[in-house]
Protein backbone atom coordinates (compact mmCIF):
# COMPACT_ATOMS: atom_id res chain seq x y z
CA UNK A 1 -104.46 170.56 22.35
CA UNK A 2 -105.61 169.50 18.88
CA UNK A 3 -104.00 167.85 15.90
CA UNK A 4 -103.04 170.13 12.98
CA UNK A 5 -105.41 168.49 10.50
CA UNK A 6 -108.31 169.98 8.51
CA UNK A 7 -110.71 167.62 10.30
CA UNK A 8 -113.01 168.59 13.15
CA UNK A 9 -111.37 167.88 16.49
CA UNK A 10 -112.56 166.04 19.60
CA UNK A 11 -111.08 168.00 22.48
CA UNK A 12 -112.52 166.30 25.58
CA UNK A 13 -114.22 163.06 26.62
CA UNK A 14 -117.42 165.06 27.22
CA UNK A 15 -117.16 166.54 23.73
CA UNK A 16 -116.82 162.99 22.33
CA UNK A 17 -119.97 161.90 24.20
CA UNK A 18 -121.85 164.91 22.81
CA UNK A 19 -120.70 164.18 19.24
CA UNK A 20 -121.71 160.52 19.52
CA UNK A 21 -125.12 161.39 20.99
CA UNK A 22 -125.87 164.06 18.36
CA UNK A 23 -124.75 162.13 15.25
CA UNK A 24 -126.00 158.74 14.07
CA UNK A 25 -122.70 157.88 12.33
CA UNK A 26 -119.31 158.99 13.67
CA UNK A 27 -115.73 158.09 12.71
CA UNK A 28 -113.00 159.16 15.15
CA UNK A 29 -109.32 158.71 14.37
CA UNK A 30 -107.32 158.95 17.59
CA UNK A 31 -103.62 159.36 16.87
CA UNK A 32 -100.58 161.57 16.44
CA UNK A 33 -98.99 163.30 13.46
CA UNK A 34 -97.05 160.14 12.67
CA UNK A 35 -96.49 158.07 9.51
CA UNK A 36 -99.28 155.59 10.30
CA UNK A 37 -101.82 158.27 11.27
CA UNK A 38 -101.40 161.05 8.69
CA UNK A 39 -102.59 158.92 5.73
CA UNK A 40 -105.79 158.03 7.63
CA UNK A 41 -106.51 161.72 8.29
CA UNK A 42 -105.99 162.38 4.56
CA UNK A 43 -108.49 159.69 3.56
CA UNK A 44 -111.00 160.99 6.10
CA UNK A 45 -110.62 164.51 4.69
CA UNK A 46 -111.30 163.19 1.17
CA UNK A 47 -114.34 161.20 2.30
CA UNK A 48 -116.07 164.04 4.20
CA UNK A 49 -117.71 165.39 1.04
CA UNK A 50 -118.65 161.92 -0.22
CA UNK A 51 -120.02 160.49 3.06
CA UNK A 52 -122.10 163.44 4.22
CA UNK A 53 -124.09 161.16 6.54
CA UNK A 54 -120.94 160.50 8.63
CA UNK A 55 -119.32 162.91 11.10
CA UNK A 56 -115.51 162.69 10.76
CA UNK A 57 -113.30 163.71 13.72
CA UNK A 58 -109.74 163.37 14.92
CA UNK A 59 -108.50 163.22 18.51
CA UNK A 60 -105.03 163.70 20.00
CA UNK A 61 -103.93 160.28 21.31
CA UNK A 62 -101.61 161.75 23.95
CA UNK A 63 -104.30 163.91 25.53
CA UNK A 64 -105.56 162.56 28.87
CA UNK A 65 -109.05 163.01 27.39
CA UNK A 66 -108.30 160.34 24.77
CA UNK A 67 -108.78 157.71 27.47
CA UNK A 68 -112.39 157.76 26.24
CA UNK A 69 -111.09 156.03 23.09
CA UNK A 70 -107.99 154.25 24.46
CA UNK A 71 -109.99 152.49 27.20
CA UNK A 72 -112.78 151.13 25.00
CA UNK A 73 -113.00 147.32 25.21
CA UNK A 74 -112.85 147.23 21.39
CA UNK A 75 -109.40 148.88 21.55
CA UNK A 76 -107.95 146.72 24.35
CA UNK A 77 -105.72 144.62 22.09
CA UNK A 78 -104.56 147.44 19.81
CA UNK A 79 -100.82 147.94 19.52
CA UNK A 80 -100.40 150.47 16.70
CA UNK A 81 -101.65 153.99 16.10
CA UNK A 82 -104.03 155.36 15.13
CA UNK A 83 -107.01 153.90 16.94
CA UNK A 84 -109.97 154.45 14.62
CA UNK A 85 -113.43 153.94 16.05
CA UNK A 86 -116.74 153.95 14.19
CA UNK A 87 -119.84 154.76 16.25
CA UNK A 88 -123.40 153.96 15.11
CA UNK A 89 -126.30 155.26 17.20
CA UNK A 90 -124.03 155.85 20.19
CA UNK A 91 -122.39 152.41 20.17
CA UNK A 92 -119.11 151.14 18.77
CA UNK A 93 -119.85 149.54 15.40
CA UNK A 94 -116.23 148.85 14.41
CA UNK A 95 -112.69 149.67 15.49
CA UNK A 96 -109.31 149.35 13.79
CA UNK A 97 -105.71 150.15 14.62
CA UNK A 98 -102.72 151.13 12.53
CA UNK A 99 -102.74 152.52 9.02
CA UNK A 100 -105.81 151.90 6.87
CA UNK A 101 -106.19 152.43 3.13
CA UNK A 102 -109.07 154.29 1.52
CA UNK A 103 -110.63 150.98 0.41
CA UNK A 104 -110.36 149.51 3.92
CA UNK A 105 -112.01 152.62 5.41
CA UNK A 106 -114.78 152.83 2.79
CA UNK A 107 -115.48 149.12 3.25
CA UNK A 108 -116.17 149.72 6.96
CA UNK A 109 -118.15 152.91 6.29
CA UNK A 110 -120.32 151.15 3.70
CA UNK A 111 -120.89 148.10 5.91
CA UNK A 112 -121.66 149.98 9.13
CA UNK A 113 -123.23 153.22 7.89
CA UNK A 114 -124.46 152.50 4.34
CA UNK A 115 -123.01 153.66 1.06
CA UNK A 116 -122.48 157.34 0.32
């Protein structure tokens, strides 16, 4: 099961591990097609062409496979969707929850992965 977004999709925990190991910079938005999540997917879609050094993915929050994101220590206190996790060289560099604006997202991307 995948989200109906134009982003690339993480389908399993193993797939997530493969993506993280094969890409230096990864942003994964784990959510639903809800009002707090959809704007984040839209920003990610816009940024794909600008931040070509970052791999952008979504993941279905309600999939059992999403435990790979939901159970991260960095996400332990999160209450709102989506859970957005930024991976640098295989490790969590940053994590946010709930809606994020384009400027909030680009601020994290620039800080953790370098400017576009």
